[in-house]
Amino acid sequence: MDERRDDRAGDMGVHPTCSMHHMGISDSLLALANASGEANVPEGATCCGTADDRGLFHPELVESATREERASLNAEHFDAFVSDNRTCEMGLEMMTGRTYDSIAVLLERASRPVVTP
């Protein structure tokens, strides 16, 4: 029998990207995150303003775009933070001081088999 590790991430702040919102699949990201913990989308988590690499050159865009989301993150407690786009994760890390993981990394950890000697 294949045992699975219980690496649940606890309470998770989930940032669906703009493209996910436009495609109407933000709930899919939330469902995937819920497989590894208690996932919630913070208030104001819409566009992070990173726009591929634009936010790296113009951090004021990210600062402005994440104002409401940052306030929500500061008002709630989360053990982990996830998104589905690395440049968004970088912009959010830059503005929030929190480490964002890719949903793919989170799912890989949760599905990794337990290795015993």
Protein backbone atom coordinates (compact mmCIF):
# COMPACT_ATOMS: atom_id res chain seq x y z
CA MET A 1 0.00 0.00 0.00
CA ASP A 2 1.36 3.42 -0.97
CA GLU A 3 1.53 5.67 2.08
CA ARG A 4 1.33 9.43 1.64
CA ARG A 5 3.02 11.98 3.79
CA ASP A 6 0.77 14.35 5.73
CA ASP A 7 2.56 17.56 4.80
CA ARG A 8 -0.52 19.74 5.10
CA ALA A 9 0.42 23.38 4.81
CA GLY A 10 -2.03 24.66 7.43
CA ASP A 11 -3.85 27.92 6.72
CA MET A 12 -2.91 29.15 3.26
CA GLY A 13 -3.23 32.49 1.55
CA VAL A 14 -3.91 31.84 -2.14
CA HIS A 15 -3.32 34.43 -4.86
CA PRO A 16 -5.11 33.56 -8.11
CA THR A 17 -3.50 35.40 -11.01
CA CYS A 18 -5.20 37.83 -13.41
CA SER A 19 -5.27 35.22 -16.14
CA MET A 20 -7.00 32.75 -13.83
CA HIS A 21 -9.63 35.38 -13.01
CA HIS A 22 -10.15 36.14 -16.72
CA MET A 23 -10.49 32.44 -17.58
CA GLY A 24 -12.86 31.85 -14.67
CA ILE A 25 -10.69 29.14 -13.09
CA SER A 26 -9.67 30.76 -9.79
CA ASP A 27 -11.82 28.22 -7.92
CA SER A 28 -9.69 25.44 -9.42
CA LEU A 29 -6.56 26.89 -7.83
CA LEU A 30 -8.36 27.19 -4.51
CA ALA A 31 -9.52 23.55 -4.75
CA LEU A 32 -5.98 22.36 -5.46
CA ALA A 33 -4.62 24.36 -2.53
CA ASN A 34 -7.32 22.91 -0.27
CA ALA A 35 -5.83 19.47 -0.98
CA SER A 36 -2.82 20.59 1.09
CA GLY A 37 -4.38 22.75 3.77
CA GLU A 38 -7.10 25.24 4.58
CA ALA A 39 -6.93 27.62 1.63
CA ASN A 40 -8.39 31.12 1.47
CA VAL A 41 -8.14 33.95 -1.01
CA PRO A 42 -7.36 37.14 0.92
CA GLU A 43 -9.60 40.16 0.36
CA GLY A 44 -8.28 42.22 -2.57
CA ALA A 45 -6.33 39.37 -4.17
CA THR A 46 -7.00 40.28 -7.77
CA CYS A 47 -4.17 41.70 -9.87
CA CYS A 48 -0.74 41.92 -8.24
CA GLY A 49 0.48 44.46 -10.80
CA THR A 50 3.59 42.49 -11.72
CA ALA A 51 2.54 42.09 -15.39
CA ASP A 52 5.25 39.62 -16.39
CA ASP A 53 8.44 41.53 -15.50
CA ARG A 54 7.03 45.08 -15.43
CA GLY A 55 6.67 44.98 -11.65
CA LEU A 56 10.36 44.20 -11.28
CA PHE A 57 11.23 47.43 -13.07
CA HIS A 58 8.35 49.47 -11.62
CA PRO A 59 7.73 48.17 -8.07
CA GLU A 60 5.37 51.08 -7.44
CA LEU A 61 2.83 49.26 -9.66
CA VAL A 62 2.96 46.18 -7.44
CA GLU A 63 2.89 48.30 -4.29
CA SER A 64 -0.28 50.04 -5.43
CA ALA A 65 -2.00 46.94 -6.85
CA THR A 66 -1.45 44.85 -3.70
CA ARG A 67 -2.45 47.45 -1.10
CA GLU A 68 -5.81 45.84 -0.22
CA GLU A 69 -4.44 42.30 -0.38
CA ARG A 70 -1.53 43.22 1.93
CA ALA A 71 -3.94 44.71 4.46
CA SER A 72 -5.95 41.49 4.41
CA LEU A 73 -2.80 39.37 4.80
CA ASN A 74 -1.77 41.46 7.80
CA ALA A 75 -5.23 41.11 9.39
CA GLU A 76 -5.34 37.30 9.07
CA HIS A 77 -2.98 34.47 9.97
CA PHE A 78 -1.61 32.23 7.23
CA ASP A 79 1.05 29.52 7.54
CA ALA A 80 1.82 29.42 3.82
CA PHE A 81 1.26 31.43 0.64
CA VAL A 82 0.74 30.10 -2.89
CA SER A 83 0.05 31.29 -6.41
CA ASP A 84 0.47 29.80 -9.87
CA ASN A 85 2.86 32.21 -11.60
CA ARG A 86 6.47 32.81 -10.58
CA THR A 87 6.63 36.51 -11.48
CA CYS A 88 3.44 37.14 -9.48
CA GLU A 89 4.98 35.20 -6.59
CA MET A 90 8.13 37.35 -6.83
CA GLY A 91 6.13 40.59 -6.83
CA LEU A 92 4.04 39.46 -3.87
CA GLU A 93 7.17 38.39 -1.98
CA MET A 94 8.74 41.77 -2.67
CA MET A 95 5.72 43.66 -1.30
CA THR A 96 4.59 41.41 1.54
CA GLY A 97 7.88 40.01 2.84
CA ARG A 98 6.27 36.56 2.78
CA THR A 99 7.49 33.52 0.84
CA TYR A 100 5.14 32.38 -1.93
CA ASP A 101 5.35 28.86 -3.32
CA SER A 102 4.01 27.59 -6.58
CA ILE A 103 0.88 25.47 -6.33
CA ALA A 104 2.86 22.81 -8.25
CA VAL A 105 5.49 22.66 -5.48
CA LEU A 106 2.81 22.43 -2.82
CA LEU A 107 1.06 19.54 -4.56
CA GLU A 108 4.33 17.72 -5.18
CA ARG A 109 5.17 17.88 -1.47
CA ALA A 110 1.70 16.69 -0.47
CA SER A 111 1.76 13.74 -2.87
CA ARG A 112 5.33 12.61 -2.23
CA PRO A 113 5.40 9.02 -0.93
CA VAL A 114 6.81 8.39 2.53
CA VAL A 115 10.26 6.86 2.24
CA THR A 116 11.24 4.63 5.13
CA PRO A 117 14.60 2.86 5.52
